[in-house]
Amino acid sequence: MEPAGGSHQLHHHMMSVDPGGDRFPQWSLQETRDFLMIRAELDPTFMETKRNKVLWELVSTKMKERGYNRSADQCKCKWKNLVTRYKGFETMEQEGMRQQFPFYNELQAIFTGRMQRMLWMEAEGGGSSSTKKRALMHNLSSDDEDENENEESDVDKANKKKKKTTTTSVNKDSSSSSALLKEVMDKLMKQQMQIESEWMKLYERREEERRMREMEWRQRMEALENDKIMFDRRWREKEEERRIKEETRSEKRDALITLLLNKLRQQD
């Protein structure tokens, strides 16, 4: 439950204003969770590049595939708002206060995964210098709010170089964006193939377990059937022995009676 006034605060964050001054529809809880799922999937790629305009276009495309009509700027603005709120709740000491932010766990998972990747990269690099470590920590703590500064820095550097024609710049940016988009799509395809491969391995393992269980069941059924056959055979053998013994006793009894009758006739 949010404290008094919480719903008004949430509404304030969810109802944003675009650069043109028009208000766009607020984000529902499910839409925000789907958005964070997409953003988490692309987070490693976001951390590898400073110019992420194409990535936000990709996020917008994935949102539209899920039935949400959100532009790249809207997605970027929503991410900044969520990160700002997350950092505000993160400073709270009480765990219960953090849970008042409904997306705290999702954002914590994203930043935890980012920390793990950074530590893994640092470990893979071996004895990295202090400069490299500072760069890693900067990449870990910084986020899309630094994008404008990076772009301004790029502009300042570009102004120091020889000016190029507008047509050449446009073609270069288009080519760079296409190459970046292709790289992102290739990574996504590799991730998808890896997921499918792991799923197939899991399916094959479960199918093998099912076959083993079925084989064990058949073996038990065959053993029970064999036991039943052996029992029936022993029963028939014992029944045959009983019948033979009964017939033998009957023959002996008949023979004895005949013998007695013959003796009685001889005496008479």
Protein backbone atom coordinates (compact mmCIF):
# COMPACT_ATOMS: atom_id res chain seq x y z
CA MET A 1 0.00 0.00 0.00
CA GLU A 2 1.31 3.44 -0.86
CA PRO A 3 1.19 6.23 1.73
CA ALA A 4 -1.31 9.04 1.52
CA GLY A 5 -0.73 11.05 -1.59
CA GLY A 6 1.18 8.17 -3.18
CA SER A 7 -1.36 7.69 -5.94
CA HIS A 8 -1.10 11.35 -6.83
CA GLN A 9 2.69 11.08 -6.95
CA LEU A 10 2.49 7.96 -9.13
CA HIS A 11 0.07 9.68 -11.45
CA HIS A 12 2.45 12.63 -11.65
CA HIS A 13 5.29 10.35 -12.75
CA MET A 14 3.19 8.28 -15.15
CA MET A 15 1.54 11.21 -16.92
CA SER A 16 4.40 12.93 -18.74
CA VAL A 17 4.69 15.77 -21.22
CA ASP A 18 6.41 15.40 -24.56
CA PRO A 19 8.66 18.14 -26.04
CA GLY A 20 5.72 19.56 -27.97
CA GLY A 21 3.74 20.14 -24.81
CA ASP A 22 1.13 17.41 -25.46
CA ARG A 23 0.37 14.92 -22.71
CA PHE A 24 0.52 11.27 -23.71
CA PRO A 25 -1.40 8.42 -22.01
CA GLN A 26 -0.07 7.22 -18.67
CA TRP A 27 1.72 3.89 -18.42
CA SER A 28 -0.12 0.98 -16.86
CA LEU A 29 1.63 -1.37 -14.44
CA GLN A 30 1.71 -4.21 -16.98
CA GLU A 31 2.97 -1.94 -19.75
CA THR A 32 5.77 -0.67 -17.50
CA ARG A 33 6.75 -4.20 -16.54
CA ASP A 34 6.84 -5.26 -20.21
CA PHE A 35 8.92 -2.16 -20.95
CA LEU A 36 11.40 -3.02 -18.19
CA MET A 37 11.63 -6.58 -19.50
CA ILE A 38 12.59 -5.27 -22.94
CA ARG A 39 15.01 -2.70 -21.45
CA ALA A 40 16.66 -5.40 -19.30
CA GLU A 41 17.15 -7.59 -22.37
CA LEU A 42 18.95 -4.76 -24.20
CA ASP A 43 20.84 -3.38 -21.18
CA PRO A 44 24.18 -5.06 -22.11
CA THR A 45 24.01 -3.39 -25.53
CA PHE A 46 23.08 -0.04 -23.97
CA MET A 47 26.21 -0.22 -21.83
CA GLU A 48 28.43 -0.88 -24.83
CA THR A 49 27.58 2.30 -26.71
CA LYS A 50 27.10 5.96 -25.88
CA ARG A 51 24.90 6.78 -28.84
CA ASN A 52 21.82 4.76 -28.14
CA LYS A 53 19.19 6.51 -30.24
CA VAL A 54 18.89 3.43 -32.45
CA LEU A 55 18.49 1.26 -29.36
CA TRP A 56 15.58 3.36 -28.13
CA GLU A 57 14.02 3.01 -31.58
CA LEU A 58 14.41 -0.75 -31.17
CA VAL A 59 12.76 -0.58 -27.73
CA SER A 60 9.87 1.36 -29.29
CA THR A 61 9.53 -1.28 -32.01
CA LYS A 62 9.45 -4.11 -29.46
CA MET A 63 6.83 -2.21 -27.45
CA LYS A 64 4.67 -1.91 -30.56
CA GLU A 65 5.04 -5.66 -31.13
CA ARG A 66 3.49 -6.12 -27.69
CA GLY A 67 0.62 -3.77 -28.55
CA TYR A 68 1.90 -0.55 -26.94
CA ASN A 69 2.21 2.62 -29.03
CA ARG A 70 5.25 4.33 -27.48
CA SER A 71 7.82 6.41 -29.31
CA ALA A 72 11.56 6.17 -28.68
CA ASP A 73 11.53 9.51 -26.80
CA GLN A 74 8.65 8.35 -24.60
CA CYS A 75 10.50 5.14 -23.75
CA LYS A 76 13.68 7.06 -22.98
CA CYS A 77 11.80 9.56 -20.80
CA LYS A 78 10.02 6.75 -18.94
CA TRP A 79 13.34 5.02 -18.26
CA LYS A 80 14.87 8.19 -16.84
CA ASN A 81 11.87 8.74 -14.56
CA LEU A 82 12.00 5.14 -13.32
CA VAL A 83 15.76 5.33 -12.66
CA THR A 84 15.31 8.60 -10.76
CA ARG A 85 12.58 7.09 -8.58
CA TYR A 86 14.60 3.92 -8.05
CA LYS A 87 17.64 5.85 -6.86
CA GLY A 88 15.40 7.83 -4.50
CA PHE A 89 13.93 4.68 -2.94
CA GLU A 90 17.35 2.98 -2.92
CA THR A 91 18.64 5.51 -0.38
CA MET A 92 15.91 4.52 2.08
CA GLU A 93 17.16 2.29 4.88
CA GLN A 94 13.87 0.49 5.57
CA GLU A 95 13.17 -2.38 3.17
CA GLY A 96 9.41 -1.86 3.53
CA MET A 97 9.71 1.70 2.19
CA ARG A 98 11.47 0.42 -0.94
CA GLN A 99 8.61 -1.94 -1.73
CA GLN A 100 6.29 1.05 -2.08
CA PHE A 101 7.90 1.56 -5.49
CA PRO A 102 6.20 -1.22 -7.55
CA PHE A 103 9.11 -1.59 -9.97
CA TYR A 104 11.94 -1.59 -7.42
CA ASN A 105 12.73 -5.30 -7.83
CA GLU A 106 12.82 -5.10 -11.66
CA LEU A 107 15.24 -2.15 -11.65
CA GLN A 108 17.34 -3.71 -8.90
CA ALA A 109 17.69 -6.85 -11.05
CA ILE A 110 18.83 -4.74 -14.03
CA PHE A 111 21.49 -2.86 -12.04
CA THR A 112 22.59 -6.02 -10.22
CA GLY A 113 23.08 -7.76 -13.57
CA ARG A 114 25.01 -4.72 -14.80
CA MET A 115 27.29 -4.87 -11.74
CA GLN A 116 27.93 -8.58 -12.31
CA ARG A 117 28.83 -8.00 -15.96
CA MET A 118 31.20 -5.18 -15.00
CA LEU A 119 32.93 -7.31 -12.37
CA TRP A 120 33.21 -10.18 -14.83
CA MET A 121 34.73 -7.88 -17.46
CA GLU A 122 37.20 -6.53 -14.92
CA ALA A 123 38.14 -10.06 -13.84
CA GLU A 124 38.59 -11.18 -17.46
CA GLY A 125 40.92 -8.22 -18.02
CA GLY A 126 43.31 -9.48 -15.37
CA GLY A 127 45.42 -6.85 -13.65
CA SER A 128 43.59 -3.77 -14.92
CA SER A 129 44.88 -0.33 -14.21
CA SER A 130 43.21 2.15 -11.84
CA THR A 131 42.12 4.18 -14.87
CA LYS A 132 40.30 1.16 -16.30
CA LYS A 133 38.64 0.50 -12.94
CA ARG A 134 37.44 4.11 -12.72
CA ALA A 135 36.05 3.80 -16.24
CA LEU A 136 34.17 0.64 -15.30
CA MET A 137 32.67 2.26 -12.20
CA HIS A 138 31.69 5.29 -14.27
CA ASN A 139 29.90 3.07 -16.80
CA LEU A 140 28.18 1.27 -13.92
CA SER A 141 26.93 4.36 -12.13
CA SER A 142 26.12 6.46 -15.21
CA ASP A 143 22.97 6.04 -17.21
CA ASP A 144 21.06 7.59 -20.06
CA GLU A 145 20.97 10.94 -18.29
CA ASP A 146 24.62 11.31 -19.42
CA GLU A 147 23.73 10.78 -23.05
CA ASN A 148 23.17 14.46 -23.78
CA GLU A 149 26.53 15.34 -22.23
CA ASN A 150 28.24 12.69 -24.32
CA GLU A 151 26.55 13.99 -27.45
CA GLU A 152 27.54 17.57 -26.62
CA SER A 153 31.11 16.44 -26.08
CA ASP A 154 31.04 14.71 -29.43
CA VAL A 155 29.75 17.91 -31.02
CA ASP A 156 32.57 19.96 -29.45
CA LYS A 157 35.10 17.50 -30.76
CA ALA A 158 33.48 17.50 -34.16
CA ASN A 159 33.66 21.31 -34.36
CA LYS A 160 37.43 21.13 -33.95
CA LYS A 161 37.70 18.92 -37.03
CA LYS A 162 37.29 19.90 -40.64
CA LYS A 163 33.65 20.64 -41.51
CA LYS A 164 31.94 18.27 -43.89
CA THR A 165 28.97 18.76 -46.13
CA THR A 166 25.44 18.08 -44.84
CA THR A 167 24.89 15.29 -47.32
CA THR A 168 28.03 13.45 -46.24
CA SER A 169 27.13 13.79 -42.55
CA VAL A 170 23.62 12.50 -43.10
CA ASN A 171 24.89 9.52 -45.10
CA LYS A 172 27.51 8.73 -42.46
CA ASP A 173 25.00 8.90 -39.61
CA SER A 174 22.58 6.72 -41.55
CA SER A 175 25.31 4.18 -42.28
CA SER A 176 26.42 4.18 -38.64
CA SER A 177 22.85 3.74 -37.42
CA SER A 178 22.28 0.88 -39.85
CA ALA A 179 25.49 -0.82 -38.75
CA LEU A 180 24.57 -0.40 -35.08
CA LEU A 181 21.07 -1.73 -35.69
CA LYS A 182 22.51 -4.72 -37.55
CA GLU A 183 24.91 -5.39 -34.69
CA VAL A 184 22.08 -5.22 -32.17
CA MET A 185 19.90 -7.55 -34.24
CA ASP A 186 22.80 -10.00 -34.63
CA LYS A 187 23.29 -10.08 -30.87
CA LEU A 188 19.59 -10.59 -30.32
CA MET A 189 19.58 -13.43 -32.85
CA LYS A 190 22.54 -15.07 -31.10
CA GLN A 191 20.79 -14.74 -27.74
CA GLN A 192 17.61 -16.19 -29.24
CA MET A 193 19.54 -19.10 -30.76
CA GLN A 194 21.26 -19.73 -27.42
CA ILE A 195 17.90 -19.73 -25.61
CA GLU A 196 16.44 -22.11 -28.18
CA SER A 197 19.49 -24.38 -27.87
CA GLU A 198 19.16 -24.48 -24.09
CA TRP A 199 15.43 -25.13 -24.43
CA MET A 200 16.07 -28.03 -26.81
CA LYS A 201 18.63 -29.51 -24.42
CA LEU A 202 16.13 -29.23 -21.59
CA TYR A 203 13.40 -30.78 -23.75
CA GLU A 204 15.66 -33.65 -24.81
CA ARG A 205 16.72 -34.27 -21.21
CA ARG A 206 13.11 -34.38 -20.04
CA GLU A 207 12.18 -36.60 -22.98
CA GLU A 208 15.01 -38.97 -22.08
CA GLU A 209 13.80 -39.01 -18.47
CA ARG A 210 10.28 -39.77 -19.69
CA ARG A 211 11.58 -42.63 -21.85
CA MET A 212 13.55 -44.03 -18.91
CA ARG A 213 10.49 -43.89 -16.66
CA GLU A 214 8.41 -45.57 -19.35
CA MET A 215 11.07 -48.27 -19.80
CA GLU A 216 11.21 -48.87 -16.05
CA TRP A 217 7.41 -49.11 -15.94
CA ARG A 218 7.39 -51.62 -18.79
CA GLN A 219 10.10 -53.66 -17.08
CA ARG A 220 8.06 -53.72 -13.88
CA MET A 221 4.96 -54.75 -15.82
CA GLU A 222 6.91 -57.51 -17.58
CA ALA A 223 8.30 -58.70 -14.24
CA LEU A 224 4.78 -58.79 -12.78
CA GLU A 225 3.51 -60.65 -15.83
CA ASN A 226 6.34 -63.18 -15.55
CA ASP A 227 5.60 -63.65 -11.86
CA LYS A 228 1.94 -64.24 -12.70
CA ILE A 229 2.88 -66.81 -15.36
CA MET A 230 5.21 -68.61 -12.95
CA PHE A 231 2.53 -68.60 -10.26
CA ASP A 232 -0.04 -70.04 -12.66
CA ARG A 233 2.44 -72.71 -13.78
CA ARG A 234 3.26 -73.74 -10.22
CA TRP A 235 -0.43 -73.80 -9.37
CA ARG A 236 -1.20 -76.06 -12.35
CA GLU A 237 1.71 -78.36 -11.47
CA LYS A 238 0.55 -78.66 -7.89
CA GLU A 239 -3.02 -79.21 -9.05
CA GLU A 240 -1.79 -81.94 -11.41
CA GLU A 241 0.18 -83.60 -8.61
CA ARG A 242 -2.88 -83.46 -6.35
CA ARG A 243 -5.03 -85.01 -9.08
CA ILE A 244 -2.54 -87.84 -9.70
CA LYS A 245 -2.29 -88.56 -5.97
CA GLU A 246 -6.08 -88.58 -5.70
CA GLU A 247 -6.40 -90.97 -8.63
CA THR A 248 -3.72 -93.24 -7.16
CA ARG A 249 -5.48 -93.39 -3.81
CA SER A 250 -8.77 -94.05 -5.57
CA GLU A 251 -7.27 -96.93 -7.57
CA LYS A 252 -5.74 -98.46 -4.45
CA ARG A 253 -9.02 -98.15 -2.62
CA ASP A 254 -10.90 -99.81 -5.48
CA ALA A 255 -8.34 -102.60 -5.66
CA LEU A 256 -8.62 -103.24 -1.93
CA ILE A 257 -12.40 -103.37 -2.08
CA THR A 258 -12.27 -105.78 -5.00
CA LEU A 259 -9.85 -108.00 -3.14
CA LEU A 260 -12.10 -108.10 -0.06
CA LEU A 261 -15.14 -108.91 -2.15
CA ASN A 262 -13.30 -111.79 -3.84
CA LYS A 263 -12.28 -113.24 -0.46
CA LEU A 264 -15.83 -113.03 0.81
CA ARG A 265 -17.11 -114.84 -2.26
CA GLN A 266 -14.50 -117.59 -1.80
CA GLN A 267 -15.51 -118.10 1.83
CA ASP A 268 -19.15 -118.39 0.87
